[in-house]
Amino acid sequence: MDMPIEDREFWREVLLAGGATTLPRWTLDPLPGVGEHVTTLPDDLLVAVRGLADRLGLPLRTVVLAAHAKVLAAVSGEREVVTGYAAGAGGRLLPCPLTTAPQTWRGLLLEAALVEVDLLWHRDVVVDELKRELGVAGPSFETGFDPIDRIDAAVNAGGG
C-alpha cells in the first residue's frame, strides 16, 4: 500500500488501539438495517452553542462532535467511544476515537478538537485497505457524525 508514512502510522495506531462503541438495542422487535436520526436544534440552543464555539475559538462542528461523544458515552456506558466521522473522500466515514474522560466541558471540547485536527490531517487514506493489511476485523463504529460545516460546504458548492 502506497501512503505517506505519517498517515500510515497515525491510522495504524488508531486501528490497532481497537475499540468499537456498541449501542444498546432498546427494542423488543429489532429490524435489520440502518437507522438515521436527524435533530434540528432549537434556535436558542443553537445560539448558545455557536457562542460557546466562538468564545473558545473552535469550529461549531467541534462543539457538536464533543456533544455527540458525550451522548455515545452516556448510552454505551463507556468513557472511550468511537464514532464514524464523515471526513474521507466523498463523505466516507473514518474511525474517530474520542474520550469523555476530561472532567469539564472545556476539557472535553479541547480534547475533541485535538482528535478532530489529527483525523482531518490524515483523512486522505483508504483506511479499509490498511485494516485488511493489519488483520483488523469488525466494524470500528456503529454511529456516524457528519459535521455541520461539511454539509454546509457541500450545499454551497452545489453538491447537496
Protein backbone atom coordinates (compact mmCIF):
# COMPACT_ATOMS: atom_id res chain seq x y z
CA MET A 1 0.00 0.00 0.00
CA ASP A 2 1.41 3.37 -1.05
CA MET A 3 0.71 6.09 1.51
CA PRO A 4 2.79 8.64 3.40
CA ILE A 5 4.45 7.10 6.46
CA GLU A 6 2.89 9.71 8.79
CA ASP A 7 -0.61 8.79 7.61
CA ARG A 8 0.14 5.10 7.83
CA GLU A 9 1.44 5.37 11.40
CA PHE A 10 -1.47 7.53 12.53
CA TRP A 11 -4.10 5.10 11.22
CA ARG A 12 -2.09 2.08 12.34
CA GLU A 13 -2.19 3.39 15.92
CA VAL A 14 -5.92 4.18 15.71
CA LEU A 15 -6.83 0.79 14.22
CA LEU A 16 -4.62 -1.31 16.49
CA ALA A 17 -5.88 0.52 19.58
CA GLY A 18 -9.18 -1.10 18.68
CA GLY A 19 -12.41 -0.38 20.36
CA ALA A 20 -15.86 -0.08 18.96
CA THR A 21 -18.76 1.57 20.69
CA THR A 22 -21.72 -0.80 20.80
CA LEU A 23 -25.07 0.90 21.15
CA PRO A 24 -27.80 -0.68 23.24
CA ARG A 25 -30.70 -2.28 21.40
CA TRP A 26 -33.78 -0.99 23.22
CA THR A 27 -36.44 -2.74 21.24
CA LEU A 28 -38.39 -5.93 21.57
CA ASP A 29 -38.71 -6.21 17.78
CA PRO A 30 -35.31 -5.49 16.20
CA LEU A 31 -35.21 -4.98 12.46
CA PRO A 32 -32.19 -5.32 10.18
CA GLY A 33 -30.79 -2.24 8.51
CA VAL A 34 -29.53 1.19 9.35
CA GLY A 35 -31.47 3.95 11.03
CA GLU A 36 -30.91 7.66 10.77
CA HIS A 37 -31.78 10.27 13.34
CA VAL A 38 -31.56 13.95 12.49
CA THR A 39 -32.49 16.59 15.02
CA THR A 40 -32.88 20.30 14.50
CA LEU A 41 -31.60 22.28 17.46
CA PRO A 42 -33.92 24.93 18.87
CA ASP A 43 -32.78 28.44 17.89
CA ASP A 44 -31.86 29.47 21.45
CA LEU A 45 -29.70 26.35 21.91
CA LEU A 46 -28.03 26.88 18.55
CA VAL A 47 -27.20 30.48 19.51
CA ALA A 48 -25.70 29.27 22.80
CA VAL A 49 -23.64 26.54 21.11
CA ARG A 50 -22.34 28.96 18.46
CA GLY A 51 -21.47 31.44 21.23
CA LEU A 52 -19.51 28.76 23.10
CA ALA A 53 -17.65 27.79 19.94
CA ASP A 54 -16.80 31.44 19.25
CA ARG A 55 -15.60 32.09 22.83
CA LEU A 56 -13.29 29.08 22.68
CA GLY A 57 -12.15 29.76 19.11
CA LEU A 58 -13.45 26.39 17.93
CA PRO A 59 -15.50 25.46 14.86
CA LEU A 60 -19.15 24.73 15.58
CA ARG A 61 -18.63 21.16 14.32
CA THR A 62 -16.13 20.53 17.14
CA VAL A 63 -18.64 21.50 19.82
CA VAL A 64 -21.26 19.27 18.21
CA LEU A 65 -18.69 16.42 17.96
CA ALA A 66 -17.94 16.71 21.70
CA ALA A 67 -21.67 16.59 22.49
CA HIS A 68 -22.03 13.57 20.18
CA ALA A 69 -19.22 11.82 22.09
CA LYS A 70 -20.89 12.63 25.42
CA VAL A 71 -24.19 11.13 24.24
CA LEU A 72 -22.43 7.98 22.95
CA ALA A 73 -20.66 7.65 26.30
CA ALA A 74 -23.93 8.03 28.19
CA VAL A 75 -25.86 5.43 26.18
CA SER A 76 -22.99 2.93 25.94
CA GLY A 77 -21.67 3.30 29.50
CA GLU A 78 -18.12 3.75 28.14
CA ARG A 79 -15.79 6.73 28.57
CA GLU A 80 -13.81 5.84 25.44
CA VAL A 81 -16.02 5.86 22.34
CA VAL A 82 -15.53 5.53 18.59
CA THR A 83 -17.79 7.13 16.02
CA GLY A 84 -17.56 7.38 12.27
CA TYR A 85 -16.59 10.87 11.07
CA ALA A 86 -17.56 11.90 7.51
CA ALA A 87 -14.21 13.38 6.51
CA GLY A 88 -12.95 10.94 3.90
CA ALA A 89 -13.28 11.33 0.15
CA GLY A 90 -16.93 11.61 -0.81
CA GLY A 91 -18.02 11.79 2.82
CA ARG A 92 -16.57 8.36 3.65
CA LEU A 93 -16.76 7.64 7.37
CA LEU A 94 -13.44 7.33 9.18
CA PRO A 95 -12.99 5.91 12.69
CA CYS A 96 -12.88 8.75 15.22
CA PRO A 97 -11.85 7.65 18.74
CA LEU A 98 -12.89 10.10 21.46
CA THR A 99 -12.66 10.18 25.21
CA THR A 100 -15.09 11.74 27.63
CA ALA A 101 -12.60 11.42 30.50
CA PRO A 102 -11.96 15.18 30.88
CA GLN A 103 -13.85 16.43 33.92
CA THR A 104 -15.01 19.70 32.35
CA TRP A 105 -16.81 20.59 29.14
CA ARG A 106 -13.90 22.87 28.24
CA GLY A 107 -11.51 19.91 28.57
CA LEU A 108 -13.83 17.69 26.55
CA LEU A 109 -14.10 20.32 23.82
CA LEU A 110 -10.34 20.80 23.62
CA GLU A 111 -9.76 17.03 23.55
CA ALA A 112 -12.32 16.66 20.72
CA ALA A 113 -10.62 19.50 18.82
CA LEU A 114 -7.23 17.75 19.01
CA VAL A 115 -8.67 14.44 17.80
CA GLU A 116 -10.53 16.19 15.00
CA VAL A 117 -7.41 18.04 13.80
CA ASP A 118 -5.46 14.76 13.64
CA LEU A 119 -8.27 12.98 11.84
CA LEU A 120 -8.68 15.77 9.29
CA TRP A 121 -4.92 15.95 8.73
CA HIS A 122 -4.82 12.23 7.87
CA ARG A 123 -8.19 11.89 6.10
CA ASP A 124 -6.90 11.08 2.61
CA VAL A 125 -6.08 7.47 3.45
CA VAL A 126 -8.15 4.45 2.46
CA VAL A 127 -8.46 3.06 5.98
CA ASP A 128 -10.22 -0.14 4.87
CA GLU A 129 -7.13 -1.25 2.93
CA LEU A 130 -4.93 -0.73 5.98
CA LYS A 131 -7.47 -2.59 8.16
CA ARG A 132 -7.23 -5.61 5.87
CA GLU A 133 -3.44 -5.43 5.80
CA LEU A 134 -3.27 -5.28 9.62
CA GLY A 135 -5.85 -8.04 10.05
CA VAL A 136 -8.22 -5.79 12.00
CA ALA A 137 -11.66 -7.38 11.84
CA GLY A 138 -15.08 -5.99 12.52
CA PRO A 139 -16.56 -2.54 12.27
CA SER A 140 -14.86 0.32 14.10
CA PHE A 141 -18.11 2.18 14.81
CA GLU A 142 -21.88 1.89 14.77
CA THR A 143 -22.66 5.59 14.57
CA GLY A 144 -21.68 8.31 12.16
CA PHE A 145 -21.06 12.01 12.57
CA ASP A 146 -21.42 14.30 9.56
CA PRO A 147 -20.11 17.73 10.55
CA ILE A 148 -22.39 20.70 10.02
CA ASP A 149 -19.65 22.68 8.26
CA ARG A 150 -19.15 19.84 5.77
CA ILE A 151 -22.85 19.72 4.93
CA ASP A 152 -22.98 23.50 4.51
CA ALA A 153 -19.89 23.44 2.28
CA ALA A 154 -21.39 20.71 0.05
CA VAL A 155 -24.67 22.59 -0.32
CA ASN A 156 -22.91 25.89 -1.08
CA ALA A 157 -20.70 24.18 -3.67
CA GLY A 158 -23.74 22.67 -5.39
CA GLY A 159 -23.07 19.17 -4.06
CA GLY A 160 -26.15 18.79 -1.88
